[in-house]
Amino acid sequence: MHSELIQAIITIVAVTNPLGNAPIFGQLVADLPKSSQHAAAARAAVVVLIILAGSALVGEAILKLFGISLDAFRVAGGVIVAAMGFGMLNGKHSAIQSGPETEESVSESIVVPFAMPLCAGPGAISAVITISLAHGDGGAPVTALVASLVGALALYAVLLSTVALEKFVSPSAQRIFTRFMGLILVAMGFQFVMHGVKDFFFPA
């Protein structure tokens, strides 16, 4: 159980990629007061938590609704996670092109665009649903929910640190971390695929 939880936490932290995405957040909120920057960091973390936890809770029901098997989704989710990992290894990442013009537009212009495509996009959603199905054992997806909470807290901590220490974080350190997380994602993705294929051809 502990090893499964640790693996799930590492996967969620990897797919949300806090350190790799935080510099973008820092640039977006650079012109806002410190209080607004901190509020934006908190809201971004909450939005990510809601997306991931919601996916963990209703993911299985959605799969049943569309008649998708657990093994098929494990394979598909693993492929998506691995593809994200390969992209990170190659140094590819998304970027938000424009920031907010006023403090009042923080939630609309920063938080949602930052959280959804960057931190809790399709790869992260696929990963958390896959974790939920793999470790749910028919009950509440505790492992996926705890991993989502830890991932959101890690994102919040990194965003706050970036706001405070942005000028001290070198681009090379960000690139190294992004590639390291990419390697982890590739390994996790292949593990999801292998488990799905194994369970499909050799059901217990």
Protein backbone atom coordinates (compact mmCIF):
# COMPACT_ATOMS: atom_id res chain seq x y z
CA MET A 1 0.00 0.00 0.00
CA HIS A 2 2.76 2.44 0.92
CA SER A 3 4.71 1.69 -2.26
CA GLU A 4 1.55 2.16 -4.35
CA LEU A 5 0.85 5.51 -2.69
CA ILE A 6 4.41 6.71 -3.16
CA GLN A 7 4.30 5.68 -6.81
CA ALA A 8 0.98 7.46 -7.28
CA ILE A 9 2.27 10.65 -5.64
CA ILE A 10 5.40 10.64 -7.79
CA THR A 11 3.27 10.14 -10.91
CA ILE A 12 0.91 13.02 -10.08
CA VAL A 13 3.76 15.37 -9.16
CA ALA A 14 5.49 14.42 -12.39
CA VAL A 15 2.48 15.03 -14.64
CA THR A 16 1.58 18.33 -12.96
CA ASN A 17 5.27 19.34 -13.22
CA PRO A 18 5.22 22.15 -10.62
CA LEU A 19 8.83 23.29 -11.05
CA GLY A 20 8.67 23.20 -14.82
CA ASN A 21 5.43 25.21 -14.98
CA ALA A 22 6.09 27.59 -12.09
CA PRO A 23 8.32 29.99 -14.09
CA ILE A 24 5.39 30.59 -16.47
CA PHE A 25 3.18 31.38 -13.49
CA GLY A 26 5.84 33.73 -12.14
CA GLN A 27 5.92 35.65 -15.41
CA LEU A 28 2.14 35.93 -15.51
CA VAL A 29 1.83 37.39 -12.01
CA ALA A 30 5.01 39.45 -12.07
CA ASP A 31 3.14 42.77 -12.30
CA LEU A 32 0.65 41.97 -9.52
CA PRO A 33 1.06 42.83 -5.83
CA LYS A 34 2.42 40.09 -3.58
CA SER A 35 -0.97 39.49 -1.99
CA SER A 36 -2.57 38.90 -5.40
CA GLN A 37 0.30 36.62 -6.42
CA HIS A 38 -0.20 34.49 -3.32
CA ALA A 39 -3.97 34.38 -3.88
CA ALA A 40 -3.46 33.32 -7.49
CA ALA A 41 -1.11 30.52 -6.38
CA ALA A 42 -3.69 29.25 -3.89
CA ARG A 43 -6.50 29.35 -6.46
CA ALA A 44 -4.39 27.55 -9.05
CA ALA A 45 -3.65 24.75 -6.58
CA VAL A 46 -7.34 24.46 -5.64
CA VAL A 47 -8.41 24.29 -9.29
CA VAL A 48 -5.86 21.55 -9.97
CA LEU A 49 -7.05 19.61 -6.91
CA ILE A 50 -10.69 19.88 -7.99
CA ILE A 51 -9.89 18.66 -11.51
CA LEU A 52 -7.77 15.73 -10.35
CA ALA A 53 -9.99 14.67 -7.44
CA GLY A 54 -13.10 14.96 -9.59
CA SER A 55 -11.47 12.80 -12.25
CA ALA A 56 -10.56 10.20 -9.63
CA LEU A 57 -14.10 10.09 -8.26
CA VAL A 58 -16.12 9.96 -11.48
CA GLY A 59 -13.59 8.47 -13.88
CA GLU A 60 -14.74 4.86 -13.44
CA ALA A 61 -18.41 5.82 -13.89
CA ILE A 62 -17.56 7.62 -17.14
CA LEU A 63 -15.68 4.57 -18.41
CA LYS A 64 -18.67 2.34 -17.66
CA LEU A 65 -20.99 4.82 -19.36
CA PHE A 66 -19.00 4.59 -22.59
CA GLY A 67 -18.28 0.87 -22.26
CA ILE A 68 -14.50 1.26 -21.95
CA SER A 69 -12.69 -1.55 -20.13
CA LEU A 70 -10.24 -0.96 -17.30
CA ASP A 71 -7.42 -2.66 -19.18
CA ALA A 72 -8.00 -0.60 -22.33
CA PHE A 73 -7.96 2.62 -20.35
CA ARG A 74 -4.80 1.60 -18.50
CA VAL A 75 -3.06 1.09 -21.83
CA ALA A 76 -4.41 4.35 -23.31
CA GLY A 77 -3.59 6.29 -20.14
CA GLY A 78 -0.11 4.80 -20.05
CA VAL A 79 0.52 5.80 -23.66
CA ILE A 80 -0.56 9.39 -22.94
CA VAL A 81 1.57 9.62 -19.80
CA ALA A 82 4.58 8.17 -21.61
CA ALA A 83 4.06 10.59 -24.51
CA MET A 84 4.09 13.50 -22.07
CA GLY A 85 7.30 12.12 -20.61
CA PHE A 86 8.96 11.91 -24.01
CA GLY A 87 7.92 15.50 -24.67
CA MET A 88 9.46 16.64 -21.39
CA LEU A 89 12.66 14.72 -22.16
CA ASN A 90 12.85 16.61 -25.46
CA GLY A 91 12.37 19.91 -23.66
CA LYS A 92 8.87 20.57 -25.04
CA HIS A 93 6.29 22.33 -22.90
CA SER A 94 3.25 24.51 -23.31
CA ALA A 95 3.13 28.20 -22.61
CA ILE A 96 0.42 30.76 -21.94
CA GLN A 97 0.80 33.69 -24.27
CA SER A 98 -0.83 36.50 -22.35
CA GLY A 99 -1.35 37.51 -18.74
CA PRO A 100 -4.05 39.47 -16.93
CA GLU A 101 -4.49 43.19 -17.36
CA THR A 102 -6.01 43.88 -13.93
CA GLU A 103 -5.95 42.28 -10.49
CA GLU A 104 -9.64 41.41 -10.79
CA SER A 105 -8.95 39.21 -13.82
CA VAL A 106 -6.56 36.87 -11.97
CA SER A 107 -8.94 33.89 -11.74
CA GLU A 108 -10.08 34.09 -15.36
CA SER A 109 -6.86 35.09 -17.09
CA ILE A 110 -4.27 33.20 -15.00
CA VAL A 111 -5.65 30.51 -12.76
CA VAL A 112 -7.89 28.52 -15.12
CA PRO A 113 -5.65 28.72 -18.24
CA PHE A 114 -2.59 27.93 -16.13
CA ALA A 115 -4.17 25.04 -14.20
CA MET A 116 -6.04 23.26 -16.97
CA PRO A 117 -3.69 23.06 -19.94
CA LEU A 118 -0.42 23.05 -18.04
CA CYS A 119 -0.86 21.37 -14.65
CA ALA A 120 -4.07 19.35 -14.97
CA GLY A 121 -4.38 18.67 -18.66
CA PRO A 122 -5.34 15.43 -20.43
CA GLY A 123 -2.18 13.64 -19.32
CA ALA A 124 -2.73 14.40 -15.64
CA ILE A 125 -6.42 13.49 -15.87
CA SER A 126 -5.58 10.20 -17.59
CA ALA A 127 -2.94 9.45 -14.96
CA VAL A 128 -5.23 10.07 -11.98
CA ILE A 129 -8.09 8.02 -13.47
CA THR A 130 -5.69 5.20 -14.23
CA ILE A 131 -4.35 5.31 -10.66
CA SER A 132 -7.92 5.37 -9.33
CA LEU A 133 -8.86 2.28 -11.33
CA ALA A 134 -5.63 0.42 -10.62
CA HIS A 135 -5.65 0.95 -6.84
CA GLY A 136 -9.30 1.62 -6.02
CA ASP A 137 -10.15 -2.06 -5.29
CA GLY A 138 -13.82 -1.31 -5.90
CA GLY A 139 -14.05 1.27 -3.11
CA ALA A 140 -13.17 4.92 -2.73
CA PRO A 141 -10.07 5.88 -4.76
CA VAL A 142 -8.11 6.83 -1.65
CA THR A 143 -4.70 6.46 -3.28
CA ALA A 144 -5.64 8.72 -6.20
CA LEU A 145 -7.27 11.30 -3.91
CA VAL A 146 -4.29 11.45 -1.54
CA ALA A 147 -1.90 11.70 -4.49
CA SER A 148 -4.02 14.51 -5.96
CA LEU A 149 -3.97 16.39 -2.65
CA VAL A 150 -0.21 16.02 -2.28
CA GLY A 151 0.28 17.08 -5.89
CA ALA A 152 -1.83 20.21 -5.37
CA LEU A 153 0.03 21.06 -2.16
CA ALA A 154 3.37 20.57 -3.93
CA LEU A 155 2.21 22.87 -6.72
CA TYR A 156 1.13 25.52 -4.21
CA ALA A 157 4.46 25.35 -2.37
CA VAL A 158 6.46 25.62 -5.58
CA LEU A 159 4.38 28.53 -6.87
CA LEU A 160 4.87 30.42 -3.63
CA SER A 161 8.59 29.71 -3.75
CA THR A 162 8.75 30.86 -7.35
CA VAL A 163 7.03 34.13 -6.47
CA ALA A 164 9.58 34.71 -3.72
CA LEU A 165 12.69 33.31 -5.37
CA GLU A 166 12.05 33.52 -9.10
CA LYS A 167 15.19 35.49 -9.88
CA PHE A 168 17.36 32.92 -8.09
CA VAL A 169 16.14 29.85 -10.06
CA SER A 170 18.32 29.27 -13.09
CA PRO A 171 16.84 28.13 -16.41
CA SER A 172 19.27 25.20 -16.47
CA ALA A 173 17.92 23.90 -13.15
CA GLN A 174 14.38 24.08 -14.52
CA ARG A 175 15.40 22.15 -17.63
CA ILE A 176 17.16 19.45 -15.57
CA PHE A 177 14.10 18.98 -13.36
CA THR A 178 11.74 18.86 -16.33
CA ARG A 179 13.80 16.14 -18.05
CA PHE A 180 14.08 14.15 -14.83
CA MET A 181 10.30 14.25 -14.38
CA GLY A 182 9.96 13.27 -18.04
CA LEU A 183 12.04 10.14 -17.47
CA ILE A 184 9.84 9.21 -14.52
CA LEU A 185 6.71 9.74 -16.61
CA VAL A 186 8.00 7.50 -19.39
CA ALA A 187 8.71 4.73 -16.87
CA MET A 188 5.31 5.13 -15.19
CA GLY A 189 3.53 5.18 -18.54
CA PHE A 190 5.17 1.97 -19.71
CA GLN A 191 4.31 0.35 -16.39
CA PHE A 192 0.64 1.28 -16.86
CA VAL A 193 0.74 -0.18 -20.39
CA MET A 194 2.40 -3.42 -19.30
CA HIS A 195 -0.09 -3.93 -16.46
CA GLY A 196 -3.02 -3.29 -18.81
CA VAL A 197 -1.73 -5.70 -21.46
CA LYS A 198 -0.91 -8.34 -18.86
CA ASP A 199 -4.35 -8.15 -17.23
CA PHE A 200 -6.06 -8.22 -20.64
CA PHE A 201 -4.29 -11.36 -21.90
CA PHE A 202 -3.79 -13.04 -18.53
CA PRO A 203 -6.74 -12.07 -16.29
CA ALA A 204 -6.49 -13.12 -12.67
